[in-house]
């Protein structure tokens, strides 16, 4: 699914959802695109590109989405869930860290820069938007993308930041294979029961 199509759908759902609507996780893989956060600085795009570059309404700076990258969009009624944005970010990071541990990969989060980091660089990014007390956008995990796309940007606005992937760390898998266990880890980290949401 194209990023723009997913973005339109997220905004539509968030604008029309009722207090009873279940939370949803969307697991997607997009065609290649660069996206800027609402206040993202376009100077973090370092080189000309034939790929689309669009400004979105999420937080954060610039990133790349494309084949080989798993994106999980978290459409959550935060008020009903009783959590704030910091707790959501922590839950996203915790889920990725837990998943990586099952592959024997040590990972951590940083207080000053959201996302998940391993030896050799950043492997997962977080960017969110909250409207009407509900979140959308989410996280991206590099499974086996062409990491050269990140060389054209300062990822997440961090100069010199190296990006890495499961493939570069020696894990042979696919976006489809990673999606289910990561969604399960995210449900656990945010305290969901199996029937609490649509995934």
N, C-alpha and C. Protein backbone atom coordinates (compact mmCIF):
# COMPACT_ATOMS: atom_id res chain seq x y z
N UNK A 1 0.84 -1.20 0.00
CA UNK A 1 0.00 0.00 0.00
C UNK A 1 0.88 1.25 0.00
N UNK A 2 0.52 2.21 -0.83
CA UNK A 2 1.27 3.46 -0.89
C UNK A 2 1.14 4.22 0.43
N UNK A 3 2.21 4.93 0.80
CA UNK A 3 2.17 5.68 2.05
C UNK A 3 1.01 6.66 2.07
N UNK A 4 0.81 7.39 0.97
CA UNK A 4 -0.25 8.40 0.94
C UNK A 4 -1.62 7.79 1.19
N UNK A 5 -1.85 6.60 0.64
CA UNK A 5 -3.13 5.92 0.85
C UNK A 5 -3.31 5.55 2.31
N UNK A 6 -2.25 5.03 2.93
CA UNK A 6 -2.33 4.67 4.34
C UNK A 6 -2.54 5.91 5.21
N UNK A 7 -1.85 6.98 4.88
CA UNK A 7 -1.97 8.23 5.65
C UNK A 7 -3.40 8.77 5.57
N UNK A 8 -3.97 8.79 4.38
CA UNK A 8 -5.36 9.24 4.23
C UNK A 8 -6.30 8.38 5.06
N UNK A 9 -6.08 7.07 5.03
CA UNK A 9 -6.96 6.15 5.76
C UNK A 9 -6.83 6.35 7.27
N UNK A 10 -5.61 6.58 7.75
CA UNK A 10 -5.41 6.82 9.18
C UNK A 10 -6.13 8.07 9.64
N UNK A 11 -6.01 9.13 8.86
CA UNK A 11 -6.67 10.39 9.23
C UNK A 11 -8.18 10.24 9.20
N UNK A 12 -8.68 9.53 8.21
CA UNK A 12 -10.12 9.34 8.11
C UNK A 12 -10.65 8.55 9.30
N UNK A 13 -9.95 7.48 9.66
CA UNK A 13 -10.39 6.67 10.79
C UNK A 13 -10.35 7.48 12.08
N UNK A 14 -9.27 8.23 12.27
CA UNK A 14 -9.12 9.00 13.50
C UNK A 14 -10.19 10.08 13.60
N UNK A 15 -10.58 10.66 12.48
CA UNK A 15 -11.57 11.73 12.48
C UNK A 15 -12.98 11.22 12.76
N UNK A 16 -13.24 9.97 12.43
CA UNK A 16 -14.61 9.46 12.51
C UNK A 16 -14.81 8.40 13.58
N UNK A 17 -13.74 7.95 14.23
CA UNK A 17 -13.90 6.84 15.17
C UNK A 17 -14.71 7.26 16.38
N UNK A 18 -15.48 6.32 16.90
CA UNK A 18 -16.30 6.56 18.08
C UNK A 18 -15.56 6.09 19.32
N UNK A 19 -16.13 6.40 20.48
CA UNK A 19 -15.51 5.99 21.74
C UNK A 19 -15.47 4.47 21.88
N UNK A 20 -16.33 3.78 21.14
CA UNK A 20 -16.39 2.32 21.24
C UNK A 20 -15.53 1.61 20.19
N UNK A 21 -15.00 2.36 19.24
CA UNK A 21 -14.25 1.74 18.15
C UNK A 21 -12.99 1.05 18.67
N UNK A 22 -12.73 -0.17 18.23
CA UNK A 22 -11.53 -0.86 18.70
C UNK A 22 -10.27 -0.19 18.18
N UNK A 23 -9.20 -0.30 18.96
CA UNK A 23 -7.90 0.15 18.49
C UNK A 23 -7.43 -0.78 17.37
N UNK A 24 -6.54 -0.27 16.54
CA UNK A 24 -6.07 -1.06 15.41
C UNK A 24 -4.56 -0.90 15.24
N UNK A 25 -3.91 -2.00 14.84
CA UNK A 25 -2.53 -1.96 14.38
C UNK A 25 -2.55 -2.33 12.89
N UNK A 26 -1.93 -1.52 12.08
CA UNK A 26 -1.82 -1.83 10.65
C UNK A 26 -0.37 -2.18 10.35
N UNK A 27 -0.15 -3.35 9.78
CA UNK A 27 1.19 -3.82 9.42
C UNK A 27 1.35 -3.68 7.91
N UNK A 28 2.26 -2.81 7.49
CA UNK A 28 2.38 -2.47 6.07
C UNK A 28 3.83 -2.43 5.61
N UNK A 29 3.97 -2.43 4.29
CA UNK A 29 5.26 -2.24 3.62
C UNK A 29 4.98 -1.32 2.44
N UNK A 30 5.66 -0.19 2.38
CA UNK A 30 5.34 0.83 1.38
C UNK A 30 6.29 0.79 0.18
N UNK A 31 5.84 1.29 -0.97
CA UNK A 31 6.80 1.65 -2.03
C UNK A 31 7.72 2.75 -1.51
N UNK A 32 8.87 2.88 -2.11
CA UNK A 32 9.90 3.79 -1.59
C UNK A 32 9.44 5.25 -1.62
N UNK A 33 9.68 5.94 -0.49
CA UNK A 33 9.28 7.33 -0.33
C UNK A 33 10.05 7.94 0.84
N UNK A 34 10.33 9.23 0.76
CA UNK A 34 10.85 9.97 1.91
C UNK A 34 9.71 10.78 2.50
N UNK A 35 9.62 10.79 3.84
CA UNK A 35 8.59 11.59 4.50
C UNK A 35 9.23 12.50 5.54
N UNK A 36 8.71 13.72 5.59
CA UNK A 36 9.13 14.71 6.58
C UNK A 36 8.06 14.83 7.64
N UNK A 37 8.47 15.04 8.89
CA UNK A 37 7.52 15.36 9.94
C UNK A 37 6.93 16.74 9.74
N UNK A 38 5.93 17.06 10.55
CA UNK A 38 5.20 18.32 10.41
C UNK A 38 6.13 19.52 10.44
N UNK A 39 7.11 19.48 11.34
CA UNK A 39 8.07 20.58 11.45
C UNK A 39 9.46 20.17 10.98
N UNK A 40 9.51 19.15 10.15
CA UNK A 40 10.79 18.64 9.67
C UNK A 40 11.52 19.64 8.78
N UNK A 41 12.83 19.66 8.91
CA UNK A 41 13.68 20.58 8.15
C UNK A 41 14.09 19.91 6.83
N UNK A 42 13.66 20.47 5.69
CA UNK A 42 14.01 19.84 4.41
C UNK A 42 15.50 19.81 4.12
N UNK A 43 16.29 20.57 4.86
CA UNK A 43 17.74 20.53 4.65
C UNK A 43 18.34 19.19 5.06
N UNK A 44 17.57 18.37 5.79
CA UNK A 44 18.07 17.04 6.13
C UNK A 44 17.98 16.07 4.96
N UNK A 45 17.37 16.48 3.85
CA UNK A 45 17.48 15.75 2.59
C UNK A 45 18.76 16.24 1.92
N UNK A 46 19.76 15.37 1.84
CA UNK A 46 21.12 15.80 1.49
C UNK A 46 21.42 15.74 0.01
N UNK A 47 20.63 15.02 -0.76
CA UNK A 47 20.92 14.85 -2.18
C UNK A 47 19.63 14.78 -2.96
N UNK A 48 19.71 15.12 -4.23
CA UNK A 48 18.54 15.00 -5.09
C UNK A 48 18.11 13.55 -5.17
N UNK A 49 16.82 13.34 -5.34
CA UNK A 49 16.28 11.98 -5.41
C UNK A 49 15.12 11.94 -6.38
N UNK A 50 14.96 10.81 -7.03
CA UNK A 50 13.81 10.61 -7.90
C UNK A 50 12.60 10.13 -7.11
N UNK A 51 12.81 9.79 -5.84
CA UNK A 51 11.70 9.30 -5.02
C UNK A 51 10.82 10.47 -4.57
N UNK A 52 9.54 10.19 -4.30
CA UNK A 52 8.68 11.23 -3.75
C UNK A 52 9.19 11.68 -2.38
N UNK A 53 9.00 12.95 -2.09
CA UNK A 53 9.30 13.53 -0.77
C UNK A 53 8.06 14.29 -0.35
N UNK A 54 7.43 13.88 0.74
CA UNK A 54 6.20 14.55 1.17
C UNK A 54 6.28 14.94 2.64
N UNK A 55 5.62 16.03 2.97
CA UNK A 55 5.52 16.47 4.36
C UNK A 55 4.25 15.88 4.96
N UNK A 56 4.38 15.33 6.15
CA UNK A 56 3.25 14.67 6.81
C UNK A 56 2.88 15.44 8.07
N UNK A 57 1.96 14.88 8.84
CA UNK A 57 1.54 15.52 10.09
C UNK A 57 2.06 14.81 11.33
N UNK A 58 3.03 13.91 11.16
CA UNK A 58 3.61 13.23 12.33
C UNK A 58 4.70 14.10 12.94
N UNK A 59 5.16 13.68 14.11
CA UNK A 59 6.32 14.32 14.71
C UNK A 59 7.60 13.82 14.04
N UNK A 60 8.71 14.45 14.39
CA UNK A 60 10.00 14.00 13.90
C UNK A 60 10.45 14.70 12.64
N UNK A 61 11.59 14.26 12.14
CA UNK A 61 12.23 14.87 10.98
C UNK A 61 12.00 14.02 9.73
N UNK A 62 13.05 13.74 8.99
CA UNK A 62 12.90 13.00 7.73
C UNK A 62 13.26 11.54 7.91
N UNK A 63 12.56 10.67 7.18
CA UNK A 63 12.90 9.26 7.16
C UNK A 63 12.56 8.70 5.79
N UNK A 64 12.94 7.46 5.59
CA UNK A 64 12.64 6.74 4.36
C UNK A 64 11.76 5.56 4.70
N UNK A 65 10.77 5.29 3.85
CA UNK A 65 9.99 4.05 3.92
C UNK A 65 10.10 3.35 2.58
N UNK A 66 10.08 2.02 2.60
CA UNK A 66 10.15 1.31 1.34
C UNK A 66 10.23 -0.19 1.52
N UNK A 67 10.42 -0.91 0.42
CA UNK A 67 10.50 -2.37 0.47
C UNK A 67 11.57 -2.84 1.45
N UNK A 68 11.22 -3.88 2.19
CA UNK A 68 12.14 -4.42 3.18
C UNK A 68 12.03 -3.78 4.55
N UNK A 69 11.12 -2.83 4.68
CA UNK A 69 10.90 -2.18 5.98
C UNK A 69 9.47 -2.45 6.44
N UNK A 70 9.33 -2.94 7.66
CA UNK A 70 8.02 -3.15 8.27
C UNK A 70 7.58 -1.88 8.97
N UNK A 71 6.36 -1.43 8.64
CA UNK A 71 5.77 -0.28 9.32
C UNK A 71 4.55 -0.76 10.08
N UNK A 72 4.47 -0.41 11.36
CA UNK A 72 3.27 -0.69 12.15
C UNK A 72 2.65 0.64 12.56
N UNK A 73 1.43 0.87 12.08
CA UNK A 73 0.69 2.06 12.45
C UNK A 73 -0.20 1.73 13.64
N UNK A 74 -0.14 2.58 14.66
CA UNK A 74 -0.83 2.32 15.93
C UNK A 74 -1.97 3.32 16.08
N UNK A 75 -3.18 2.86 15.80
CA UNK A 75 -4.38 3.70 15.90
C UNK A 75 -5.05 3.39 17.22
N UNK A 76 -4.72 4.19 18.23
CA UNK A 76 -5.07 3.89 19.62
C UNK A 76 -5.81 5.06 20.24
N UNK A 77 -6.90 4.75 20.93
CA UNK A 77 -7.59 5.75 21.76
C UNK A 77 -6.81 5.85 23.07
N UNK A 78 -5.93 6.82 23.15
CA UNK A 78 -5.03 6.93 24.30
C UNK A 78 -5.79 7.24 25.58
N UNK A 79 -6.83 8.05 25.48
CA UNK A 79 -7.62 8.38 26.67
C UNK A 79 -8.27 7.14 27.25
N UNK A 80 -8.87 6.34 26.39
CA UNK A 80 -9.52 5.11 26.86
C UNK A 80 -8.49 4.12 27.39
N UNK A 81 -7.33 4.09 26.75
CA UNK A 81 -6.28 3.16 27.16
C UNK A 81 -5.61 3.62 28.45
N UNK A 82 -5.74 4.91 28.75
CA UNK A 82 -5.14 5.45 29.96
C UNK A 82 -3.64 5.63 29.87
N UNK A 83 -3.15 5.92 28.66
CA UNK A 83 -1.71 6.13 28.49
C UNK A 83 -1.47 7.44 27.75
N UNK A 84 -0.29 8.00 27.95
CA UNK A 84 0.10 9.20 27.25
C UNK A 84 1.07 8.88 26.13
N UNK A 85 1.50 9.91 25.44
CA UNK A 85 2.37 9.71 24.29
C UNK A 85 3.72 9.11 24.70
N UNK A 86 4.25 9.52 25.84
CA UNK A 86 5.54 8.96 26.27
C UNK A 86 5.43 7.48 26.56
N UNK A 87 4.33 7.08 27.16
CA UNK A 87 4.12 5.65 27.43
C UNK A 87 3.97 4.87 26.12
N UNK A 88 3.32 5.46 25.15
CA UNK A 88 3.18 4.80 23.86
C UNK A 88 4.54 4.64 23.19
N UNK A 89 5.34 5.70 23.18
CA UNK A 89 6.68 5.61 22.58
C UNK A 89 7.50 4.53 23.28
N UNK A 90 7.45 4.51 24.60
CA UNK A 90 8.17 3.50 25.36
C UNK A 90 7.68 2.10 25.02
N UNK A 91 6.37 1.95 24.85
CA UNK A 91 5.81 0.64 24.50
C UNK A 91 6.27 0.17 23.13
N UNK A 92 6.33 1.08 22.18
CA UNK A 92 6.83 0.74 20.85
C UNK A 92 8.28 0.30 20.91
N UNK A 93 9.09 1.06 21.63
CA UNK A 93 10.51 0.72 21.74
C UNK A 93 10.70 -0.61 22.47
N UNK A 94 9.95 -0.82 23.53
CA UNK A 94 10.07 -2.06 24.31
C UNK A 94 9.72 -3.27 23.46
N UNK A 95 8.70 -3.14 22.62
CA UNK A 95 8.30 -4.25 21.76
C UNK A 95 9.41 -4.62 20.78
N UNK A 96 10.03 -3.63 20.17
CA UNK A 96 11.11 -3.90 19.23
C UNK A 96 12.31 -4.50 19.94
N UNK A 97 12.66 -3.95 21.09
CA UNK A 97 13.79 -4.48 21.86
C UNK A 97 13.55 -5.94 22.23
N UNK A 98 12.32 -6.25 22.65
CA UNK A 98 11.98 -7.64 22.98
C UNK A 98 12.06 -8.56 21.78
N UNK A 99 11.58 -8.10 20.64
CA UNK A 99 11.67 -8.91 19.42
C UNK A 99 13.12 -9.17 19.05
N UNK A 100 13.94 -8.13 19.09
CA UNK A 100 15.35 -8.30 18.73
C UNK A 100 16.06 -9.26 19.67
N UNK A 101 15.66 -9.26 20.92
CA UNK A 101 16.26 -10.19 21.89
C UNK A 101 16.05 -11.64 21.47
N UNK A 102 14.88 -11.94 20.86
CA UNK A 102 14.62 -13.31 20.42
C UNK A 102 15.56 -13.73 19.29
N UNK A 103 16.14 -12.76 18.61
CA UNK A 103 17.13 -13.05 17.57
C UNK A 103 18.55 -12.99 18.11
N UNK A 104 18.69 -12.78 19.41
CA UNK A 104 20.02 -12.68 20.00
C UNK A 104 20.69 -11.34 19.79
N UNK A 105 19.90 -10.31 19.53
CA UNK A 105 20.43 -8.97 19.27
C UNK A 105 20.17 -8.07 20.47
N UNK A 106 21.21 -7.50 21.04
CA UNK A 106 21.06 -6.54 22.14
C UNK A 106 20.70 -5.19 21.56
N UNK A 107 19.69 -4.56 22.15
CA UNK A 107 19.21 -3.26 21.66
C UNK A 107 18.80 -2.39 22.83
N UNK A 108 18.71 -1.10 22.58
CA UNK A 108 18.31 -0.18 23.64
C UNK A 108 17.63 1.04 23.04
N UNK A 109 16.95 1.78 23.91
CA UNK A 109 16.35 3.06 23.56
C UNK A 109 17.16 4.17 24.21
N UNK A 110 17.06 5.37 23.66
CA UNK A 110 17.77 6.53 24.19
C UNK A 110 16.77 7.58 24.64
N UNK A 111 17.06 8.22 25.77
CA UNK A 111 16.14 9.22 26.31
C UNK A 111 15.97 10.41 25.37
N UNK A 112 17.04 10.80 24.69
CA UNK A 112 17.02 12.04 23.91
C UNK A 112 16.65 11.84 22.44
N UNK A 113 16.50 10.58 22.00
CA UNK A 113 16.25 10.33 20.58
C UNK A 113 15.39 9.07 20.44
N UNK A 114 14.09 9.23 20.21
CA UNK A 114 13.20 8.06 20.12
C UNK A 114 13.65 7.07 19.05
N UNK A 115 13.35 5.81 19.29
CA UNK A 115 13.72 4.75 18.36
C UNK A 115 14.47 3.65 19.08
N UNK A 116 14.97 2.70 18.31
CA UNK A 116 15.71 1.57 18.88
C UNK A 116 17.07 1.48 18.20
N UNK A 117 18.08 1.30 19.03
CA UNK A 117 19.47 1.35 18.57
C UNK A 117 20.17 0.04 18.92
N UNK A 118 21.05 -0.39 18.02
CA UNK A 118 21.86 -1.58 18.23
C UNK A 118 23.31 -1.20 17.92
N UNK A 119 24.21 -2.12 18.19
CA UNK A 119 25.60 -1.87 17.79
C UNK A 119 25.64 -1.75 16.27
N UNK A 120 26.09 -0.63 15.80
CA UNK A 120 26.14 -0.42 14.36
C UNK A 120 25.11 0.55 13.84
N UNK A 121 24.20 1.02 14.72
CA UNK A 121 23.27 2.05 14.25
C UNK A 121 21.85 1.91 14.76
N UNK A 122 20.98 2.64 14.12
CA UNK A 122 19.56 2.67 14.48
C UNK A 122 18.81 1.69 13.59
N UNK A 123 17.95 0.89 14.19
CA UNK A 123 17.24 -0.14 13.44
C UNK A 123 15.74 0.11 13.36
N UNK A 124 15.21 0.92 14.26
CA UNK A 124 13.77 1.21 14.26
C UNK A 124 13.54 2.68 14.61
N UNK A 125 12.57 3.28 13.94
CA UNK A 125 12.24 4.69 14.15
C UNK A 125 10.79 4.83 14.59
N UNK A 126 10.51 5.90 15.33
CA UNK A 126 9.17 6.17 15.85
C UNK A 126 8.75 7.57 15.45
N UNK A 127 7.54 7.70 14.95
CA UNK A 127 6.96 9.01 14.64
C UNK A 127 5.46 8.94 14.82
N UNK A 128 4.89 9.84 15.60
CA UNK A 128 3.48 9.74 15.98
C UNK A 128 2.76 11.07 15.80
N UNK A 129 1.45 10.97 15.78
CA UNK A 129 0.56 12.13 15.82
C UNK A 129 -0.59 11.77 16.75
N UNK A 130 -1.03 12.74 17.55
CA UNK A 130 -2.20 12.54 18.41
C UNK A 130 -3.24 13.59 18.05
N UNK A 131 -4.45 13.13 17.78
CA UNK A 131 -5.56 14.03 17.47
C UNK A 131 -6.82 13.47 18.11
N UNK A 132 -7.58 14.34 18.76
CA UNK A 132 -8.81 13.94 19.45
C UNK A 132 -8.51 12.84 20.48
N UNK A 133 -7.32 12.89 21.07
CA UNK A 133 -6.93 11.90 22.07
C UNK A 133 -6.56 10.55 21.50
N UNK A 134 -6.40 10.47 20.18
CA UNK A 134 -6.10 9.19 19.52
C UNK A 134 -4.80 9.31 18.72
N UNK A 135 -4.03 8.24 18.74
CA UNK A 135 -2.75 8.24 18.03
C UNK A 135 -2.88 7.62 16.65
N UNK A 136 -2.01 8.08 15.76
CA UNK A 136 -1.80 7.38 14.50
C UNK A 136 -0.35 7.60 14.06
N UNK A 137 0.02 7.10 12.91
CA UNK A 137 1.41 6.84 12.53
C UNK A 137 1.95 5.76 13.49
N UNK A 138 3.26 5.64 13.68
CA UNK A 138 3.73 4.53 14.51
C UNK A 138 5.23 4.32 14.42
N UNK A 139 5.63 3.07 14.08
CA UNK A 139 7.05 2.74 14.06
C UNK A 139 7.42 2.04 12.77
N UNK A 140 8.69 2.12 12.42
CA UNK A 140 9.22 1.37 11.28
C UNK A 140 10.44 0.59 11.72
N UNK A 141 10.54 -0.65 11.25
CA UNK A 141 11.65 -1.54 11.59
C UNK A 141 12.31 -1.99 10.29
N UNK A 142 13.61 -1.78 10.21
CA UNK A 142 14.36 -2.19 9.02
C UNK A 142 14.64 -3.68 9.06
N UNK A 143 14.00 -4.41 8.17
CA UNK A 143 14.18 -5.86 8.09
C UNK A 143 15.27 -6.18 7.08
N UNK A 144 15.00 -5.92 5.81
CA UNK A 144 16.02 -6.16 4.77
C UNK A 144 15.91 -5.12 3.65
N UNK A 145 15.87 -3.83 4.00
CA UNK A 145 15.77 -2.80 2.97
C UNK A 145 17.13 -2.50 2.33
N UNK A 146 17.09 -1.73 1.26
CA UNK A 146 18.31 -1.18 0.68
C UNK A 146 18.70 0.04 1.52
N UNK A 147 19.67 -0.12 2.38
CA UNK A 147 20.04 0.94 3.32
C UNK A 147 20.69 2.14 2.64
N UNK A 148 21.02 2.02 1.37
CA UNK A 148 21.62 3.16 0.68
C UNK A 148 20.67 4.35 0.61
N UNK A 149 19.37 4.09 0.69
CA UNK A 149 18.40 5.20 0.67
C UNK A 149 18.61 6.16 1.84
N UNK A 150 19.09 5.63 2.95
CA UNK A 150 19.30 6.48 4.13
C UNK A 150 20.53 7.38 3.98
N UNK A 151 21.41 7.06 3.04
CA UNK A 151 22.61 7.88 2.86
C UNK A 151 22.29 9.24 2.25
N UNK A 152 21.09 9.39 1.72
CA UNK A 152 20.68 10.66 1.11
C UNK A 152 20.04 11.62 2.11
N UNK A 153 19.92 11.18 3.36
CA UNK A 153 19.28 12.01 4.39
C UNK A 153 20.08 11.96 5.68
N UNK A 154 19.78 12.90 6.58
CA UNK A 154 20.15 12.77 7.99
C UNK A 154 18.97 12.09 8.66
N UNK A 155 19.02 10.77 8.85
CA UNK A 155 17.84 10.07 9.35
C UNK A 155 17.35 10.66 10.67
N UNK A 156 16.06 10.96 10.70
CA UNK A 156 15.44 11.52 11.90
C UNK A 156 16.12 12.83 12.32
N UNK A 157 16.78 13.49 11.37
CA UNK A 157 17.44 14.75 11.66
C UNK A 157 18.75 14.62 12.40
N UNK A 158 19.28 13.40 12.52
CA UNK A 158 20.52 13.17 13.27
C UNK A 158 21.70 13.07 12.30
N UNK A 159 22.55 14.08 12.31
CA UNK A 159 23.67 14.14 11.39
C UNK A 159 24.63 12.97 11.64
N UNK A 160 24.95 12.25 10.57
CA UNK A 160 25.91 11.16 10.67
C UNK A 160 25.36 9.87 11.25
N UNK A 161 24.05 9.81 11.49
CA UNK A 161 23.47 8.60 12.08
C UNK A 161 23.50 7.45 11.08
N UNK A 162 24.06 6.33 11.50
CA UNK A 162 24.06 5.12 10.67
C UNK A 162 22.77 4.34 10.90
N UNK A 163 22.18 3.87 9.83
CA UNK A 163 21.01 3.01 9.93
C UNK A 163 21.44 1.58 9.64
N UNK A 164 20.77 0.63 10.29
CA UNK A 164 21.10 -0.77 10.07
C UNK A 164 19.81 -1.56 9.94
N UNK A 165 19.94 -2.87 9.79
CA UNK A 165 18.77 -3.72 9.56
C UNK A 165 19.02 -5.10 10.14
N UNK A 166 17.95 -5.88 10.23
CA UNK A 166 18.10 -7.27 10.65
C UNK A 166 19.03 -8.02 9.69
N UNK A 167 18.88 -7.77 8.41
CA UNK A 167 19.72 -8.43 7.42
C UNK A 167 21.20 -8.11 7.65
N UNK A 168 21.51 -6.85 7.88
CA UNK A 168 22.91 -6.47 8.10
C UNK A 168 23.45 -7.10 9.38
N UNK A 169 22.58 -7.38 10.33
CA UNK A 169 23.00 -8.01 11.58
C UNK A 169 23.01 -9.53 11.48
N UNK A 170 22.80 -10.05 10.27
CA UNK A 170 22.93 -11.48 10.04
C UNK A 170 21.65 -12.28 10.19
N UNK A 171 20.51 -11.60 10.31
CA UNK A 171 19.23 -12.29 10.47
C UNK A 171 18.55 -12.37 9.11
N UNK A 172 18.31 -13.59 8.64
CA UNK A 172 17.65 -13.80 7.36
C UNK A 172 16.16 -14.01 7.62
N UNK A 173 15.35 -13.04 7.26
CA UNK A 173 13.91 -13.12 7.47
C UNK A 173 13.23 -12.15 6.51
N UNK A 174 11.91 -12.04 6.61
CA UNK A 174 11.15 -11.16 5.73
C UNK A 174 10.24 -10.27 6.55
N UNK A 175 9.72 -9.23 5.90
CA UNK A 175 8.77 -8.34 6.56
C UNK A 175 7.56 -9.13 7.06
N UNK A 176 7.04 -10.03 6.24
CA UNK A 176 5.86 -10.81 6.64
C UNK A 176 6.16 -11.68 7.86
N UNK A 177 7.33 -12.28 7.91
CA UNK A 177 7.68 -13.16 9.03
C UNK A 177 7.87 -12.39 10.33
N UNK A 178 8.31 -11.15 10.23
CA UNK A 178 8.57 -10.35 11.43
C UNK A 178 7.29 -9.70 11.96
N UNK A 179 6.34 -9.44 11.09
CA UNK A 179 5.16 -8.68 11.47
C UNK A 179 4.36 -9.27 12.62
N UNK A 180 4.05 -10.55 12.54
CA UNK A 180 3.21 -11.16 13.57
C UNK A 180 3.86 -11.14 14.95
N UNK A 181 5.12 -11.58 15.10
CA UNK A 181 5.72 -11.53 16.43
C UNK A 181 5.91 -10.11 16.95
N UNK A 182 6.16 -9.14 16.07
CA UNK A 182 6.30 -7.77 16.55
C UNK A 182 4.96 -7.22 17.01
N UNK A 183 3.89 -7.50 16.29
CA UNK A 183 2.57 -7.07 16.73
C UNK A 183 2.22 -7.69 18.07
N UNK A 184 2.55 -8.97 18.25
CA UNK A 184 2.29 -9.64 19.53
C UNK A 184 3.10 -9.00 20.66
N UNK A 185 4.35 -8.67 20.37
CA UNK A 185 5.19 -8.01 21.39
C UNK A 185 4.64 -6.64 21.74
N UNK A 186 4.11 -5.93 20.75
CA UNK A 186 3.55 -4.61 21.00
C UNK A 186 2.27 -4.70 21.82
N UNK A 187 1.43 -5.68 21.52
CA UNK A 187 0.23 -5.89 22.33
C UNK A 187 0.61 -6.14 23.79
N UNK A 188 1.64 -6.95 23.99
CA UNK A 188 2.08 -7.26 25.36
C UNK A 188 2.63 -6.02 26.04
N UNK A 189 3.45 -5.25 25.34
CA UNK A 189 4.09 -4.09 25.97
C UNK A 189 3.08 -3.00 26.33
N UNK A 190 1.96 -2.96 25.61
CA UNK A 190 0.92 -1.95 25.89
C UNK A 190 -0.25 -2.52 26.69
N UNK A 191 -0.15 -3.79 27.09
CA UNK A 191 -1.14 -4.37 27.98
C UNK A 191 -2.45 -4.77 27.34
N UNK A 192 -2.45 -5.10 26.06
CA UNK A 192 -3.67 -5.52 25.39
C UNK A 192 -3.94 -7.01 25.61
N UNK A 193 -5.22 -7.35 25.69
CA UNK A 193 -5.65 -8.74 25.60
C UNK A 193 -5.81 -9.08 24.11
N UNK A 194 -5.81 -10.37 23.76
CA UNK A 194 -5.86 -10.75 22.34
C UNK A 194 -7.04 -10.19 21.56
N UNK A 195 -8.17 -9.95 22.22
CA UNK A 195 -9.35 -9.48 21.49
C UNK A 195 -9.61 -7.99 21.68
N UNK A 196 -8.60 -7.25 22.15
CA UNK A 196 -8.78 -5.82 22.42
C UNK A 196 -8.69 -4.94 21.19
N UNK A 197 -8.11 -5.46 20.11
CA UNK A 197 -7.89 -4.59 18.95
C UNK A 197 -7.92 -5.39 17.67
N UNK A 198 -7.85 -4.67 16.57
CA UNK A 198 -7.79 -5.26 15.24
C UNK A 198 -6.36 -5.13 14.74
N UNK A 199 -5.75 -6.25 14.35
CA UNK A 199 -4.37 -6.21 13.84
C UNK A 199 -4.30 -6.92 12.50
